[in-house]
Amino acid sequence: MATNPQTDTIDTDEVFMLYAAFCGDVAKTAHSSGLSREAVEELVKQGGWEERIKGLITLVHGEQPGDVERAINRAL
């Protein structure tokens, strides 16, 4: 496993909150956090973030208005 210097000095909790707010969108998370896409992908893999926001991603495809917003508020 390669070491990424970008991930050594970042606030992973803050990046996770961005990842959750963007419903798992790695590109938007990378842009907002100032990290490379690869660095965010590594954090997602190491932290099991996909599994942690699985319910949120399911709600993105839901039919109830406001489901995503409520889920994001809960995640944050």
N, C-alpha and C. Protein backbone atom coordinates (compact mmCIF):
# COMPACT_ATOMS: atom_id res chain seq x y z
N MET A 1 0.85 -1.18 0.00
CA MET A 1 0.00 0.00 0.00
C MET A 1 0.89 1.23 0.00
N ALA A 2 0.63 2.11 -0.93
CA ALA A 2 1.42 3.33 -1.05
C ALA A 2 0.97 4.35 -0.02
N THR A 3 1.93 5.09 0.50
CA THR A 3 1.62 6.15 1.44
C THR A 3 1.37 7.43 0.65
N ASN A 4 0.32 8.13 1.02
CA ASN A 4 -0.01 9.37 0.35
C ASN A 4 0.25 10.51 1.32
N PRO A 5 1.18 11.40 1.01
CA PRO A 5 1.50 12.50 1.94
C PRO A 5 0.31 13.41 2.20
N GLN A 6 -0.64 13.48 1.28
CA GLN A 6 -1.81 14.32 1.50
C GLN A 6 -2.65 13.83 2.66
N THR A 7 -2.69 12.53 2.89
CA THR A 7 -3.56 12.00 3.94
C THR A 7 -2.90 12.02 5.30
N ASP A 8 -1.62 12.40 5.40
CA ASP A 8 -0.91 12.39 6.67
C ASP A 8 -1.27 13.59 7.55
N THR A 9 -1.70 14.69 6.98
CA THR A 9 -1.92 15.91 7.75
C THR A 9 -3.33 16.47 7.59
N ILE A 10 -4.30 15.65 7.22
CA ILE A 10 -5.64 16.17 6.99
C ILE A 10 -6.57 15.76 8.12
N ASP A 11 -7.65 16.50 8.25
CA ASP A 11 -8.67 16.22 9.24
C ASP A 11 -9.67 15.25 8.59
N THR A 12 -9.52 13.98 8.87
CA THR A 12 -10.36 12.98 8.22
C THR A 12 -11.83 13.12 8.61
N ASP A 13 -12.11 13.60 9.81
CA ASP A 13 -13.51 13.81 10.20
C ASP A 13 -14.16 14.87 9.32
N GLU A 14 -13.42 15.93 9.04
CA GLU A 14 -13.94 16.99 8.19
C GLU A 14 -14.17 16.49 6.76
N VAL A 15 -13.24 15.71 6.26
CA VAL A 15 -13.37 15.17 4.91
C VAL A 15 -14.54 14.19 4.86
N PHE A 16 -14.71 13.40 5.92
CA PHE A 16 -15.86 12.48 5.96
C PHE A 16 -17.18 13.25 5.94
N MET A 17 -17.25 14.36 6.67
CA MET A 17 -18.47 15.15 6.68
C MET A 17 -18.77 15.69 5.28
N LEU A 18 -17.74 16.11 4.56
CA LEU A 18 -17.94 16.55 3.19
C LEU A 18 -18.41 15.39 2.32
N TYR A 19 -17.80 14.24 2.49
CA TYR A 19 -18.16 13.04 1.72
C TYR A 19 -19.63 12.69 1.96
N ALA A 20 -20.06 12.75 3.22
CA ALA A 20 -21.45 12.47 3.56
C ALA A 20 -22.37 13.54 2.98
N ALA A 21 -21.98 14.81 3.09
CA ALA A 21 -22.80 15.90 2.58
C ALA A 21 -22.97 15.80 1.06
N PHE A 22 -21.96 15.30 0.37
CA PHE A 22 -22.04 15.12 -1.07
C PHE A 22 -22.52 13.73 -1.46
N CYS A 23 -23.08 13.01 -0.49
CA CYS A 23 -23.69 11.69 -0.72
C CYS A 23 -22.74 10.72 -1.42
N GLY A 24 -21.48 10.74 -1.01
CA GLY A 24 -20.51 9.80 -1.54
C GLY A 24 -19.85 10.21 -2.85
N ASP A 25 -19.99 11.44 -3.24
CA ASP A 25 -19.38 11.91 -4.48
C ASP A 25 -17.91 12.25 -4.21
N VAL A 26 -17.03 11.40 -4.70
CA VAL A 26 -15.59 11.55 -4.44
C VAL A 26 -15.04 12.80 -5.11
N ALA A 27 -15.49 13.11 -6.33
CA ALA A 27 -14.96 14.28 -7.05
C ALA A 27 -15.30 15.57 -6.32
N LYS A 28 -16.55 15.72 -5.87
CA LYS A 28 -16.94 16.92 -5.15
C LYS A 28 -16.22 17.02 -3.81
N THR A 29 -16.07 15.88 -3.14
CA THR A 29 -15.36 15.86 -1.86
C THR A 29 -13.91 16.28 -2.05
N ALA A 30 -13.27 15.75 -3.08
CA ALA A 30 -11.87 16.09 -3.35
C ALA A 30 -11.73 17.59 -3.64
N HIS A 31 -12.61 18.10 -4.47
CA HIS A 31 -12.54 19.52 -4.81
C HIS A 31 -12.75 20.40 -3.58
N SER A 32 -13.73 20.07 -2.77
CA SER A 32 -14.06 20.89 -1.60
C SER A 32 -13.00 20.82 -0.51
N SER A 33 -12.34 19.68 -0.40
CA SER A 33 -11.34 19.51 0.66
C SER A 33 -9.94 19.91 0.22
N GLY A 34 -9.76 20.12 -1.08
CA GLY A 34 -8.44 20.46 -1.58
C GLY A 34 -7.51 19.27 -1.70
N LEU A 35 -8.08 18.08 -1.67
CA LEU A 35 -7.29 16.86 -1.80
C LEU A 35 -7.43 16.31 -3.21
N SER A 36 -6.54 15.42 -3.57
CA SER A 36 -6.68 14.74 -4.86
C SER A 36 -7.77 13.70 -4.75
N ARG A 37 -8.31 13.35 -5.89
CA ARG A 37 -9.34 12.31 -5.93
C ARG A 37 -8.80 10.99 -5.36
N GLU A 38 -7.56 10.70 -5.68
CA GLU A 38 -6.94 9.47 -5.20
C GLU A 38 -6.84 9.45 -3.67
N ALA A 39 -6.51 10.61 -3.09
CA ALA A 39 -6.39 10.69 -1.63
C ALA A 39 -7.74 10.45 -0.98
N VAL A 40 -8.79 11.02 -1.55
CA VAL A 40 -10.14 10.81 -1.00
C VAL A 40 -10.54 9.35 -1.15
N GLU A 41 -10.28 8.78 -2.31
CA GLU A 41 -10.61 7.36 -2.53
C GLU A 41 -9.90 6.47 -1.51
N GLU A 42 -8.65 6.80 -1.19
CA GLU A 42 -7.91 6.03 -0.19
C GLU A 42 -8.55 6.17 1.19
N LEU A 43 -8.98 7.37 1.55
CA LEU A 43 -9.65 7.58 2.84
C LEU A 43 -10.97 6.82 2.90
N VAL A 44 -11.70 6.82 1.79
CA VAL A 44 -12.97 6.09 1.73
C VAL A 44 -12.73 4.61 1.97
N LYS A 45 -11.70 4.08 1.31
CA LYS A 45 -11.38 2.66 1.45
C LYS A 45 -10.91 2.33 2.86
N GLN A 46 -10.00 3.13 3.39
CA GLN A 46 -9.44 2.87 4.72
C GLN A 46 -10.48 3.00 5.82
N GLY A 47 -11.39 3.98 5.68
CA GLY A 47 -12.36 4.23 6.73
C GLY A 47 -13.68 3.50 6.58
N GLY A 48 -13.85 2.77 5.48
CA GLY A 48 -15.10 2.08 5.24
C GLY A 48 -16.27 3.05 5.11
N TRP A 49 -16.00 4.19 4.50
CA TRP A 49 -17.00 5.26 4.43
C TRP A 49 -18.21 4.88 3.60
N GLU A 50 -18.02 4.09 2.53
CA GLU A 50 -19.16 3.69 1.71
C GLU A 50 -20.19 2.96 2.56
N GLU A 51 -19.73 2.08 3.40
CA GLU A 51 -20.63 1.32 4.28
C GLU A 51 -21.28 2.25 5.31
N ARG A 52 -20.52 3.20 5.80
CA ARG A 52 -21.05 4.11 6.83
C ARG A 52 -22.16 5.00 6.32
N ILE A 53 -22.13 5.35 5.04
CA ILE A 53 -23.19 6.22 4.51
C ILE A 53 -24.12 5.47 3.56
N LYS A 54 -24.11 4.17 3.64
CA LYS A 54 -24.94 3.35 2.77
C LYS A 54 -26.41 3.78 2.82
N GLY A 55 -26.94 4.03 4.01
CA GLY A 55 -28.32 4.46 4.15
C GLY A 55 -28.57 5.80 3.49
N LEU A 56 -27.62 6.69 3.59
CA LEU A 56 -27.74 8.00 2.97
C LEU A 56 -27.81 7.88 1.46
N ILE A 57 -26.96 7.05 0.90
CA ILE A 57 -26.94 6.85 -0.54
C ILE A 57 -28.26 6.24 -1.01
N THR A 58 -28.82 5.34 -0.21
CA THR A 58 -30.12 4.75 -0.53
C THR A 58 -31.19 5.83 -0.55
N LEU A 59 -31.13 6.77 0.38
CA LEU A 59 -32.13 7.83 0.44
C LEU A 59 -32.05 8.78 -0.75
N VAL A 60 -30.88 8.90 -1.34
CA VAL A 60 -30.73 9.77 -2.50
C VAL A 60 -31.69 9.32 -3.60
N HIS A 61 -31.91 8.03 -3.66
CA HIS A 61 -32.77 7.47 -4.68
C HIS A 61 -34.21 7.29 -4.17
N GLY A 62 -34.49 7.78 -2.98
CA GLY A 62 -35.82 7.65 -2.39
C GLY A 62 -36.83 8.59 -3.01
N GLU A 63 -38.07 8.41 -2.61
CA GLU A 63 -39.15 9.19 -3.20
C GLU A 63 -39.65 10.29 -2.28
N GLN A 64 -39.34 10.25 -1.00
CA GLN A 64 -39.85 11.22 -0.05
C GLN A 64 -39.05 12.52 -0.12
N PRO A 65 -39.73 13.65 -0.33
CA PRO A 65 -39.00 14.93 -0.33
C PRO A 65 -38.37 15.19 1.04
N GLY A 66 -37.14 15.64 1.02
CA GLY A 66 -36.45 15.96 2.26
C GLY A 66 -35.70 14.81 2.90
N ASP A 67 -35.82 13.60 2.36
CA ASP A 67 -35.11 12.45 2.93
C ASP A 67 -33.61 12.67 2.96
N VAL A 68 -33.08 13.15 1.86
CA VAL A 68 -31.63 13.35 1.78
C VAL A 68 -31.17 14.40 2.77
N GLU A 69 -31.90 15.50 2.85
CA GLU A 69 -31.52 16.58 3.77
C GLU A 69 -31.55 16.09 5.21
N ARG A 70 -32.57 15.34 5.58
CA ARG A 70 -32.63 14.80 6.95
C ARG A 70 -31.48 13.83 7.21
N ALA A 71 -31.18 13.00 6.24
CA ALA A 71 -30.09 12.04 6.41
C ALA A 71 -28.74 12.74 6.54
N ILE A 72 -28.53 13.80 5.77
CA ILE A 72 -27.29 14.55 5.87
C ILE A 72 -27.17 15.20 7.24
N ASN A 73 -28.24 15.79 7.72
CA ASN A 73 -28.22 16.38 9.06
C ASN A 73 -27.90 15.35 10.13
N ARG A 74 -28.43 14.17 9.99
CA ARG A 74 -28.12 13.10 10.96
C ARG A 74 -26.67 12.68 10.87
N ALA A 75 -26.16 12.59 9.63
CA ALA A 75 -24.77 12.17 9.45
C ALA A 75 -23.80 13.18 10.02
N LEU A 76 -24.13 14.46 9.87
CA LEU A 76 -23.25 15.51 10.38
C LEU A 76 -23.37 15.63 11.87
